[in-house]
Amino acid sequence: MKILLVEDEARLATAVRRVLDEEGYAIDWAADGADGLARAEAGEYDIILLDVMLPSYDGYEIARRLRSDGSTVPILMLTARDGIQDRVRGLDSGADDYLVKPFALAELLARVRALGRRAKMGGATESPTLAVADLELDLRSREARRGTRRIELTAREFGLLETLMRHPNQVMTRSQLLDSVWSYDSITESNVVDIYIHYLRNKIDKGFDKKLIRTVRGMGYAIRAD
């Protein structure tokens, strides 16, 4: 899947490009509105990630121009403006979804996956469920179950568990988990991943003979069924 990122904030663009690249997406980056519009009009993109406040053309204008030209590429707007009118304006200009800064990169990935699924299915929706052994995670209801036990998760716990379950049997480093689950500009304690892994273990593994969340010493964490 090929994605165009139109974002003038270099630090955010770097974080987004890194996490999308790790997920296997091909990324092009434009740092201003004119370049972004030109690339969007000339390129074959599956999704456009579009900042609102940009040099030259703003995100609203870019979305309007693309839609007026008949483009149906899914557009996810990224902006610090969180007012209802701002969201309405973004959606009315042609955006398919709207994500307010600062955001967790895991949520961005979830929105990108949803837009990608919708595009492939011609607008249809689906209710995906991740599963490892007897643990299931419903991405639409944001509900976890292990066997017959329903598990309540905070937003951070859910993001961490989703990241692990999307990479079963794969060791995820602390840096990868931080990039994916915590906001790109948040200030976090160095041991925050270890703390939340502890929380998850108490909810996911406690009381079960088979432990799913594993520590790989000197590397990171993995979720494994064996």
C-alpha atoms as a PDB file:
ATOM      1  CA  MET A   1       0.000   0.000   0.000  1.00  0.00           C
ATOM      2  CA  LYS A   2       1.347   3.405  -0.999  1.00  0.00           C
ATOM      3  CA  ILE A   3       0.721   6.401   1.271  1.00  0.00           C
ATOM      4  CA  LEU A   4       1.296  10.127   0.772  1.00  0.00           C
ATOM      5  CA  LEU A   5       2.050  12.087   3.945  1.00  0.00           C
ATOM      6  CA  VAL A   6       1.577  15.854   3.658  1.00  0.00           C
ATOM      7  CA  GLU A   7       2.937  17.341   6.907  1.00  0.00           C
ATOM      8  CA  ASP A   8       5.198  20.333   7.558  1.00  0.00           C
ATOM      9  CA  GLU A   9       6.177  19.362  11.118  1.00  0.00           C
ATOM     10  CA  ALA A  10       9.415  17.446  10.549  1.00  0.00           C
ATOM     11  CA  ARG A  11       9.448  15.679  13.931  1.00  0.00           C
ATOM     12  CA  LEU A  12       5.947  14.287  13.476  1.00  0.00           C
ATOM     13  CA  ALA A  13       6.620  13.389   9.853  1.00  0.00           C
ATOM     14  CA  THR A  14       9.715  11.428  10.876  1.00  0.00           C
ATOM     15  CA  ALA A  15       7.806   9.480  13.538  1.00  0.00           C
ATOM     16  CA  VAL A  16       4.900   8.708  11.214  1.00  0.00           C
ATOM     17  CA  ARG A  17       7.171   7.662   8.342  1.00  0.00           C
ATOM     18  CA  ARG A  18       9.164   5.363  10.621  1.00  0.00           C
ATOM     19  CA  VAL A  19       6.176   3.543  12.068  1.00  0.00           C
ATOM     20  CA  LEU A  20       4.454   3.174   8.683  1.00  0.00           C
ATOM     21  CA  ASP A  21       7.666   1.910   7.118  1.00  0.00           C
ATOM     22  CA  GLU A  22       7.981  -0.695   9.891  1.00  0.00           C
ATOM     23  CA  GLU A  23       4.459  -1.864   9.035  1.00  0.00           C
ATOM     24  CA  GLY A  24       5.435  -2.384   5.390  1.00  0.00           C
ATOM     25  CA  TYR A  25       3.836   0.677   3.778  1.00  0.00           C
ATOM     26  CA  ALA A  26       5.540   2.678   1.018  1.00  0.00           C
ATOM     27  CA  ILE A  27       5.674   6.369   2.054  1.00  0.00           C
ATOM     28  CA  ASP A  28       6.116   9.592   0.119  1.00  0.00           C
ATOM     29  CA  TRP A  29       6.429  12.835   2.098  1.00  0.00           C
ATOM     30  CA  ALA A  30       5.591  16.398   1.122  1.00  0.00           C
ATOM     31  CA  ALA A  31       6.349  19.249   3.536  1.00  0.00           C
ATOM     32  CA  ASP A  32       4.071  21.917   2.045  1.00  0.00           C
ATOM     33  CA  GLY A  33       0.645  22.156   0.470  1.00  0.00           C
ATOM     34  CA  ALA A  34       1.698  22.908  -3.105  1.00  0.00           C
ATOM     35  CA  ASP A  35       4.065  19.942  -3.266  1.00  0.00           C
ATOM     36  CA  GLY A  36       1.482  17.728  -1.559  1.00  0.00           C
ATOM     37  CA  LEU A  37      -1.250  18.666  -4.035  1.00  0.00           C
ATOM     38  CA  ALA A  38       1.059  18.108  -7.004  1.00  0.00           C
ATOM     39  CA  ARG A  39       2.093  14.680  -5.731  1.00  0.00           C
ATOM     40  CA  ALA A  40      -1.489  13.702  -4.938  1.00  0.00           C
ATOM     41  CA  GLU A  41      -2.655  14.708  -8.414  1.00  0.00           C
ATOM     42  CA  ALA A  42       0.243  12.978 -10.194  1.00  0.00           C
ATOM     43  CA  GLY A  43       0.780   9.885  -8.045  1.00  0.00           C
ATOM     44  CA  GLU A  44      -1.109   6.650  -7.487  1.00  0.00           C
ATOM     45  CA  TYR A  45      -1.737   6.598  -3.743  1.00  0.00           C
ATOM     46  CA  ASP A  46      -3.939   4.303  -1.675  1.00  0.00           C
ATOM     47  CA  ILE A  47      -4.257   6.755   1.251  1.00  0.00           C
ATOM     48  CA  ILE A  48      -3.351  10.400   1.879  1.00  0.00           C
ATOM     49  CA  LEU A  49      -2.442  11.612   5.384  1.00  0.00           C
ATOM     50  CA  LEU A  50      -3.088  15.333   5.237  1.00  0.00           C
ATOM     51  CA  ASP A  51      -2.192  18.023   7.754  1.00  0.00           C
ATOM     52  CA  VAL A  52      -4.539  21.022   7.882  1.00  0.00           C
ATOM     53  CA  MET A  53      -2.141  23.889   8.630  1.00  0.00           C
ATOM     54  CA  LEU A  54       0.357  23.894   5.752  1.00  0.00           C
ATOM     55  CA  PRO A  55       2.424  26.440   3.808  1.00  0.00           C
ATOM     56  CA  SER A  56       0.786  27.495   0.513  1.00  0.00           C
ATOM     57  CA  TYR A  57      -2.423  25.435   0.280  1.00  0.00           C
ATOM     58  CA  ASP A  58      -4.007  24.241   3.518  1.00  0.00           C
ATOM     59  CA  GLY A  59      -5.408  20.746   3.956  1.00  0.00           C
ATOM     60  CA  TYR A  60      -9.006  21.829   3.384  1.00  0.00           C
ATOM     61  CA  GLU A  61      -8.119  23.336   0.008  1.00  0.00           C
ATOM     62  CA  ILE A  62      -6.126  20.272  -1.038  1.00  0.00           C
ATOM     63  CA  ALA A  63      -8.995  17.941  -0.140  1.00  0.00           C
ATOM     64  CA  ARG A  64     -11.513  20.121  -1.975  1.00  0.00           C
ATOM     65  CA  ARG A  65      -9.375  20.237  -5.120  1.00  0.00           C
ATOM     66  CA  LEU A  66      -8.809  16.492  -5.145  1.00  0.00           C
ATOM     67  CA  ARG A  67     -12.514  15.767  -4.727  1.00  0.00           C
ATOM     68  CA  SER A  68     -13.502  18.301  -7.377  1.00  0.00           C
ATOM     69  CA  ASP A  69     -11.115  16.520  -9.779  1.00  0.00           C
ATOM     70  CA  GLY A  70     -12.912  13.246  -9.083  1.00  0.00           C
ATOM     71  CA  SER A  71     -10.292  11.652  -6.831  1.00  0.00           C
ATOM     72  CA  THR A  72     -11.679   8.978  -4.500  1.00  0.00           C
ATOM     73  CA  VAL A  73      -8.435   8.242  -2.616  1.00  0.00           C
ATOM     74  CA  PRO A  74      -9.147   8.004   1.146  1.00  0.00           C
ATOM     75  CA  ILE A  75      -7.971  11.089   3.066  1.00  0.00           C
ATOM     76  CA  LEU A  76      -7.123  11.121   6.772  1.00  0.00           C
ATOM     77  CA  MET A  77      -6.723  14.655   8.130  1.00  0.00           C
ATOM     78  CA  LEU A  78      -4.175  15.300  10.889  1.00  0.00           C
ATOM     79  CA  THR A  79      -4.658  18.497  12.864  1.00  0.00           C
ATOM     80  CA  ALA A  80      -4.354  20.169  16.245  1.00  0.00           C
ATOM     81  CA  ARG A  81      -7.791  21.734  15.760  1.00  0.00           C
ATOM     82  CA  ASP A  82     -10.256  19.674  17.764  1.00  0.00           C
ATOM     83  CA  GLY A  83     -13.398  21.818  17.649  1.00  0.00           C
ATOM     84  CA  ILE A  84     -16.611  20.329  16.263  1.00  0.00           C
ATOM     85  CA  GLN A  85     -16.753  22.951  13.505  1.00  0.00           C
ATOM     86  CA  ASP A  86     -13.175  22.146  12.511  1.00  0.00           C
ATOM     87  CA  ARG A  87     -14.028  18.458  12.198  1.00  0.00           C
ATOM     88  CA  VAL A  88     -17.176  19.223  10.232  1.00  0.00           C
ATOM     89  CA  ARG A  89     -15.203  21.491   7.905  1.00  0.00           C
ATOM     90  CA  GLY A  90     -12.587  18.788   7.344  1.00  0.00           C
ATOM     91  CA  LEU A  91     -15.155  16.118   6.556  1.00  0.00           C
ATOM     92  CA  ASP A  92     -17.179  18.489   4.367  1.00  0.00           C
ATOM     93  CA  SER A  93     -14.068  19.337   2.349  1.00  0.00           C
ATOM     94  CA  GLY A  94     -13.744  15.679   1.404  1.00  0.00           C
ATOM     95  CA  ALA A  95     -11.789  13.959   4.190  1.00  0.00           C
ATOM     96  CA  ASP A  96     -12.816  10.428   5.138  1.00  0.00           C
ATOM     97  CA  ASP A  97     -11.487  10.561   8.694  1.00  0.00           C
ATOM     98  CA  TYR A  98     -10.060  13.091  11.134  1.00  0.00           C
ATOM     99  CA  LEU A  99      -7.351  12.557  13.766  1.00  0.00           C
ATOM    100  CA  VAL A 100      -6.505  15.207  16.363  1.00  0.00           C
ATOM    101  CA  LYS A 101      -2.898  15.883  17.427  1.00  0.00           C
ATOM    102  CA  PRO A 102      -1.212  14.726  19.545  1.00  0.00           C
ATOM    103  CA  PHE A 103      -2.190  11.144  18.786  1.00  0.00           C
ATOM    104  CA  ALA A 104      -0.804   7.716  19.575  1.00  0.00           C
ATOM    105  CA  LEU A 105       0.855   6.144  16.565  1.00  0.00           C
ATOM    106  CA  ALA A 106      -1.089   2.936  17.247  1.00  0.00           C
ATOM    107  CA  GLU A 107      -4.318   4.857  16.653  1.00  0.00           C
ATOM    108  CA  LEU A 108      -2.947   6.303  13.424  1.00  0.00           C
ATOM    109  CA  LEU A 109      -2.083   2.792  12.239  1.00  0.00           C
ATOM    110  CA  ALA A 110      -5.570   1.575  13.141  1.00  0.00           C
ATOM    111  CA  ARG A 111      -7.156   4.434  11.145  1.00  0.00           C
ATOM    112  CA  VAL A 112      -4.863   3.700   8.171  1.00  0.00           C
ATOM    113  CA  ARG A 113      -5.777   0.008   8.246  1.00  0.00           C
ATOM    114  CA  ALA A 114      -9.482   0.838   8.439  1.00  0.00           C
ATOM    115  CA  LEU A 115      -9.265   3.204   5.451  1.00  0.00           C
ATOM    116  CA  GLY A 116      -7.298   0.594   3.522  1.00  0.00           C
ATOM    117  CA  ARG A 117      -9.897  -2.098   4.222  1.00  0.00           C
ATOM    118  CA  ARG A 118     -12.734   0.240   3.280  1.00  0.00           C
ATOM    119  CA  ALA A 119     -11.055   1.151  -0.009  1.00  0.00           C
ATOM    120  CA  LYS A 120     -10.456  -2.504  -0.932  1.00  0.00           C
ATOM    121  CA  MET A 121     -14.041  -3.439  -0.095  1.00  0.00           C
ATOM    122  CA  GLY A 122     -15.605  -0.491  -1.894  1.00  0.00           C
ATOM    123  CA  GLY A 123     -16.757   1.206   1.304  1.00  0.00           C
ATOM    124  CA  ALA A 124     -17.895  -1.896   3.154  1.00  0.00           C
ATOM    125  CA  THR A 125     -17.057  -2.335   6.795  1.00  0.00           C
ATOM    126  CA  GLU A 126     -15.771  -5.342   8.666  1.00  0.00           C
ATOM    127  CA  SER A 127     -15.325  -6.409  12.240  1.00  0.00           C
ATOM    128  CA  PRO A 128     -11.801  -7.806  12.505  1.00  0.00           C
ATOM    129  CA  THR A 129     -10.731  -9.881  15.465  1.00  0.00           C
ATOM    130  CA  LEU A 130      -7.146 -10.693  16.411  1.00  0.00           C
ATOM    131  CA  ALA A 131      -6.528 -14.053  18.071  1.00  0.00           C
ATOM    132  CA  VAL A 132      -3.570 -15.716  19.770  1.00  0.00           C
ATOM    133  CA  ALA A 133      -4.354 -19.078  21.377  1.00  0.00           C
ATOM    134  CA  ASP A 134      -7.555 -18.533  23.404  1.00  0.00           C
ATOM    135  CA  LEU A 135      -7.081 -14.754  23.577  1.00  0.00           C
ATOM    136  CA  GLU A 136      -9.249 -12.651  21.259  1.00  0.00           C
ATOM    137  CA  LEU A 137      -9.225  -8.900  20.664  1.00  0.00           C
ATOM    138  CA  ASP A 138     -12.175  -7.294  18.878  1.00  0.00           C
ATOM    139  CA  LEU A 139     -10.865  -4.154  17.171  1.00  0.00           C
ATOM    140  CA  ARG A 140     -14.303  -2.644  16.624  1.00  0.00           C
ATOM    141  CA  SER A 141     -15.761  -3.077  20.117  1.00  0.00           C
ATOM    142  CA  ARG A 142     -12.265  -2.768  21.648  1.00  0.00           C
ATOM    143  CA  GLU A 143     -13.045  -5.741  23.844  1.00  0.00           C
ATOM    144  CA  ALA A 144     -10.679  -8.515  24.890  1.00  0.00           C
ATOM    145  CA  ARG A 145     -11.604 -12.050  25.941  1.00  0.00           C
ATOM    146  CA  ARG A 146      -9.535 -14.964  27.100  1.00  0.00           C
ATOM    147  CA  GLY A 147     -11.581 -18.113  27.054  1.00  0.00           C
ATOM    148  CA  THR A 148     -14.858 -17.136  28.696  1.00  0.00           C
ATOM    149  CA  ARG A 149     -13.320 -14.258  30.660  1.00  0.00           C
ATOM    150  CA  ARG A 150     -14.047 -10.717  29.470  1.00  0.00           C
ATOM    151  CA  ILE A 151     -11.067  -8.408  30.082  1.00  0.00           C
ATOM    152  CA  GLU A 152     -11.369  -4.670  30.680  1.00  0.00           C
ATOM    153  CA  LEU A 153      -8.508  -2.675  29.145  1.00  0.00           C
ATOM    154  CA  THR A 154      -7.482   0.968  29.313  1.00  0.00           C
ATOM    155  CA  ALA A 155      -6.708   2.750  26.029  1.00  0.00           C
ATOM    156  CA  ARG A 156      -2.947   2.292  26.524  1.00  0.00           C
ATOM    157  CA  GLU A 157      -3.334  -1.377  27.479  1.00  0.00           C
ATOM    158  CA  PHE A 158      -5.484  -1.966  24.420  1.00  0.00           C
ATOM    159  CA  GLY A 159      -2.947  -0.282  22.135  1.00  0.00           C
ATOM    160  CA  LEU A 160      -0.087  -2.285  23.609  1.00  0.00           C
ATOM    161  CA  LEU A 161      -1.962  -5.592  23.359  1.00  0.00           C
ATOM    162  CA  GLU A 162      -3.074  -4.838  19.791  1.00  0.00           C
ATOM    163  CA  THR A 163       0.516  -4.118  18.753  1.00  0.00           C
ATOM    164  CA  LEU A 164       1.759  -7.375  20.253  1.00  0.00           C
ATOM    165  CA  MET A 165      -1.105  -9.404  18.743  1.00  0.00           C
ATOM    166  CA  ARG A 166      -0.521  -7.963  15.283  1.00  0.00           C
ATOM    167  CA  HIS A 167       3.022  -9.362  15.494  1.00  0.00           C
ATOM    168  CA  PRO A 168       2.569 -12.812  17.107  1.00  0.00           C
ATOM    169  CA  ASN A 169       5.795 -14.686  17.882  1.00  0.00           C
ATOM    170  CA  GLN A 170       7.772 -11.562  16.931  1.00  0.00           C
ATOM    171  CA  VAL A 171       9.958  -9.809  19.485  1.00  0.00           C
ATOM    172  CA  MET A 172       8.978  -6.132  19.812  1.00  0.00           C
ATOM    173  CA  THR A 173      11.609  -3.856  21.323  1.00  0.00           C
ATOM    174  CA  ARG A 174      10.691  -1.247  23.919  1.00  0.00           C
ATOM    175  CA  SER A 175      11.407   1.489  21.357  1.00  0.00           C
ATOM    176  CA  GLN A 176       9.025  -0.076  18.840  1.00  0.00           C
ATOM    177  CA  LEU A 177       6.301  -0.360  21.463  1.00  0.00           C
ATOM    178  CA  LEU A 178       6.818   3.232  22.599  1.00  0.00           C
ATOM    179  CA  ASP A 179       6.607   4.500  19.013  1.00  0.00           C
ATOM    180  CA  SER A 180       3.469   2.504  18.326  1.00  0.00           C
ATOM    181  CA  VAL A 181       1.447   3.029  21.504  1.00  0.00           C
ATOM    182  CA  TRP A 182       2.471   6.337  23.039  1.00  0.00           C
ATOM    183  CA  SER A 183       1.915   9.727  21.459  1.00  0.00           C
ATOM    184  CA  TYR A 184       4.795  10.872  19.269  1.00  0.00           C
ATOM    185  CA  ASP A 185       5.359  14.010  21.377  1.00  0.00           C
ATOM    186  CA  SER A 186       4.536  12.630  24.804  1.00  0.00           C
ATOM    187  CA  ILE A 187       7.073  12.574  27.594  1.00  0.00           C
ATOM    188  CA  THR A 188       7.230   9.079  29.055  1.00  0.00           C
ATOM    189  CA  GLU A 189       9.214   7.405  31.799  1.00  0.00           C
ATOM    190  CA  SER A 190      11.916   5.046  30.578  1.00  0.00           C
ATOM    191  CA  ASN A 191      10.187   2.043  32.167  1.00  0.00           C
ATOM    192  CA  VAL A 192       6.630   2.823  31.029  1.00  0.00           C
ATOM    193  CA  VAL A 193       6.541  -0.173  28.656  1.00  0.00           C
ATOM    194  CA  ASP A 194       7.608  -2.534  31.452  1.00  0.00           C
ATOM    195  CA  ILE A 195       4.920  -1.093  33.726  1.00  0.00           C
ATOM    196  CA  TYR A 196       2.159  -1.617  31.162  1.00  0.00           C
ATOM    197  CA  ILE A 197       3.402  -5.110  30.299  1.00  0.00           C
ATOM    198  CA  HIS A 198       3.006  -5.869  34.015  1.00  0.00           C
ATOM    199  CA  TYR A 199      -0.559  -4.521  33.914  1.00  0.00           C
ATOM    200  CA  LEU A 200      -1.359  -6.656  30.869  1.00  0.00           C
ATOM    201  CA  ARG A 201       0.086  -9.806  32.406  1.00  0.00           C
ATOM    202  CA  ASN A 202      -2.123  -9.366  35.452  1.00  0.00           C
ATOM    203  CA  LYS A 203      -5.159  -9.169  33.175  1.00  0.00           C
ATOM    204  CA  ILE A 204      -4.223 -11.586  30.378  1.00  0.00           C
ATOM    205  CA  ASP A 205      -2.100 -14.308  31.985  1.00  0.00           C
ATOM    206  CA  LYS A 206      -2.947 -14.311  35.699  1.00  0.00           C
ATOM    207  CA  GLY A 207      -4.947 -17.423  36.589  1.00  0.00           C
ATOM    208  CA  PHE A 208      -4.071 -19.269  33.361  1.00  0.00           C
ATOM    209  CA  ASP A 209      -1.558 -22.105  33.091  1.00  0.00           C
ATOM    210  CA  LYS A 210      -0.413 -20.998  29.638  1.00  0.00           C
ATOM    211  CA  LYS A 211       1.355 -17.637  29.738  1.00  0.00           C
ATOM    212  CA  LEU A 212       1.115 -15.717  26.462  1.00  0.00           C
ATOM    213  CA  ILE A 213       3.156 -12.561  27.088  1.00  0.00           C
ATOM    214  CA  ARG A 214       6.861 -13.398  27.107  1.00  0.00           C
ATOM    215  CA  THR A 215       9.949 -11.421  28.059  1.00  0.00           C
ATOM    216  CA  VAL A 216      12.886 -11.879  25.694  1.00  0.00           C
ATOM    217  CA  ARG A 217      15.793 -10.848  27.879  1.00  0.00           C
ATOM    218  CA  GLY A 218      17.873  -8.017  26.471  1.00  0.00           C
ATOM    219  CA  MET A 219      15.496  -7.512  23.525  1.00  0.00           C
ATOM    220  CA  GLY A 220      11.888  -6.838  24.439  1.00  0.00           C
ATOM    221  CA  TYR A 221       8.522  -8.597  24.566  1.00  0.00           C
ATOM    222  CA  ALA A 222       6.505 -11.014  22.449  1.00  0.00           C
ATOM    223  CA  ILE A 223       3.130 -12.708  22.567  1.00  0.00           C
ATOM    224  CA  ARG A 224       3.314 -16.428  21.788  1.00  0.00           C
ATOM    225  CA  ALA A 225       0.814 -19.268  21.768  1.00  0.00           C
ATOM    226  CA  ASP A 226       3.389 -22.029  22.208  1.00  0.00           C
END
